[in-house]
Amino acid sequence: MGLHTWNDIPVDRMSASISRKVIHSGRITIARIYLAKGAVVPRHSHENEQVTTMEKGRLRFQFDDREVIVDAGQTLVILPNEPHSAEALEESVALDLFAPVREDWIRGDDAYLRG
């Protein structure tokens, strides 16, 4: 068990418009993602199920067969291995949960996010 305080977690600046704070537990990764208006998360996929809850702002997710806009207070579930991208339609904060743990982030294999 561990108690974490978001204000105490260091910010990882991914690019000029995207940063994050991350907690890895035994089975899940929790990330608070900060996106400036116009920030783009390039198309990618991962083995992890992703649950994104918008705390602030709006994100447009693009999938192969659809587009989904997620507003503050809404939650989107993304299936494992489903290719997707995202664009911040306004300044946004998203809380992302991933299961299993994002081993690629732990290894530093997240170049698609770094710009």
Protein backbone atom coordinates (compact mmCIF):
# COMPACT_ATOMS: atom_id res chain seq x y z
CA MET A 1 0.00 0.00 0.00
CA GLY A 2 1.20 3.50 -0.64
CA LEU A 3 -0.24 6.93 -0.18
CA HIS A 4 0.53 9.38 -2.97
CA THR A 5 -0.07 13.12 -3.23
CA TRP A 6 -0.28 14.47 -6.78
CA ASN A 7 1.35 17.75 -5.72
CA ASP A 8 4.43 15.79 -4.55
CA ILE A 9 4.88 13.82 -7.78
CA PRO A 10 7.40 15.38 -10.17
CA VAL A 11 6.19 16.58 -13.55
CA ASP A 12 7.58 14.73 -16.57
CA ARG A 13 7.63 17.22 -19.48
CA MET A 14 7.01 15.13 -22.57
CA SER A 15 6.97 18.06 -25.01
CA ALA A 16 6.25 21.77 -25.03
CA SER A 17 2.50 21.01 -24.87
CA ILE A 18 2.22 17.70 -22.96
CA SER A 19 3.35 16.77 -19.46
CA ARG A 20 2.39 14.07 -16.98
CA LYS A 21 2.63 12.79 -13.44
CA VAL A 22 2.67 9.00 -13.04
CA ILE A 23 2.07 6.43 -10.31
CA HIS A 24 2.85 2.76 -10.98
CA SER A 25 1.31 0.18 -8.65
CA GLY A 26 1.67 -3.57 -8.85
CA ARG A 27 -1.01 -3.97 -11.52
CA ILE A 28 -1.99 -0.56 -12.88
CA THR A 29 -0.50 2.74 -13.99
CA ILE A 30 -2.25 5.97 -13.09
CA ALA A 31 -1.26 9.10 -14.98
CA ARG A 32 -2.43 12.68 -14.76
CA ILE A 33 -1.84 14.11 -18.24
CA TYR A 34 -1.68 17.88 -18.85
CA LEU A 35 -2.29 19.04 -22.44
CA ALA A 36 -2.18 22.56 -23.83
CA LYS A 37 -4.85 23.50 -26.36
CA GLY A 38 -3.84 22.01 -29.72
CA ALA A 39 -1.56 19.35 -28.21
CA VAL A 40 -1.56 16.10 -30.19
CA VAL A 41 -0.86 12.59 -28.92
CA PRO A 42 0.16 10.77 -32.12
CA ARG A 43 -1.52 7.57 -33.29
CA HIS A 44 -0.33 4.61 -31.26
CA SER A 45 -1.57 1.44 -29.59
CA HIS A 46 -0.58 -0.54 -26.52
CA GLU A 47 -1.38 -3.83 -24.88
CA ASN A 48 -2.99 -2.01 -21.95
CA GLU A 49 -6.66 -1.31 -21.45
CA GLN A 50 -6.97 2.47 -20.98
CA VAL A 51 -9.61 4.33 -19.01
CA THR A 52 -9.47 8.10 -19.51
CA THR A 53 -11.45 10.45 -17.28
CA MET A 54 -11.45 14.11 -18.21
CA GLU A 55 -10.94 16.34 -15.18
CA LYS A 56 -10.78 19.54 -17.24
CA GLY A 57 -11.13 20.46 -20.91
CA ARG A 58 -11.97 18.40 -23.98
CA LEU A 59 -10.08 15.78 -25.98
CA ARG A 60 -10.86 14.47 -29.46
CA PHE A 61 -9.89 10.82 -29.83
CA GLN A 62 -9.52 9.43 -33.34
CA PHE A 63 -9.96 5.68 -33.92
CA ASP A 64 -9.87 3.74 -37.18
CA ASP A 65 -13.67 3.75 -37.43
CA ARG A 66 -14.83 6.69 -35.32
CA GLU A 67 -14.09 9.96 -33.59
CA VAL A 68 -15.02 10.51 -29.93
CA ILE A 69 -14.99 13.83 -28.07
CA VAL A 70 -14.60 13.49 -24.31
CA ASP A 71 -15.60 16.42 -22.12
CA ALA A 72 -14.78 17.18 -18.49
CA GLY A 73 -16.65 14.73 -16.28
CA GLN A 74 -16.77 12.00 -18.94
CA THR A 75 -14.85 8.72 -19.08
CA LEU A 76 -13.71 6.82 -22.19
CA VAL A 77 -12.63 3.16 -22.20
CA ILE A 78 -10.09 2.17 -24.87
CA LEU A 79 -9.60 -1.53 -25.51
CA PRO A 80 -6.14 -3.14 -25.56
CA ASN A 81 -4.27 -2.84 -28.89
CA GLU A 82 -6.81 -0.36 -30.32
CA PRO A 83 -4.95 2.27 -32.40
CA HIS A 84 -5.86 5.81 -31.42
CA SER A 85 -4.68 9.41 -31.32
CA ALA A 86 -5.87 12.41 -29.34
CA GLU A 87 -6.01 16.18 -29.73
CA ALA A 88 -6.68 18.71 -26.98
CA LEU A 89 -9.52 20.97 -28.12
CA GLU A 90 -8.82 23.22 -25.13
CA GLU A 91 -6.42 23.22 -22.19
CA SER A 92 -7.05 19.82 -20.62
CA VAL A 93 -6.25 17.52 -17.71
CA ALA A 94 -6.96 13.81 -18.11
CA LEU A 95 -6.63 11.06 -15.52
CA ASP A 96 -5.57 7.87 -17.33
CA LEU A 97 -5.68 4.39 -15.82
CA PHE A 98 -3.86 1.56 -17.57
CA ALA A 99 -3.99 -2.17 -16.87
CA PRO A 100 -1.63 -3.87 -16.79
CA VAL A 101 1.16 -1.50 -15.75
CA ARG A 102 2.71 0.55 -18.59
CA GLU A 103 5.99 -1.37 -18.74
CA ASP A 104 6.93 0.64 -21.86
CA TRP A 105 6.80 3.85 -19.80
CA ILE A 106 8.88 2.29 -17.03
CA ARG A 107 11.48 1.28 -19.65
CA GLY A 108 11.38 4.77 -21.17
CA ASP A 109 9.99 3.43 -24.46
CA ASP A 110 7.56 6.32 -24.92
CA ALA A 111 9.22 8.35 -27.68
CA TYR A 112 5.86 8.78 -29.48
CA LEU A 113 4.85 11.16 -26.66
CA ARG A 114 8.06 13.15 -26.58
CA GLY A 115 8.42 15.98 -29.05
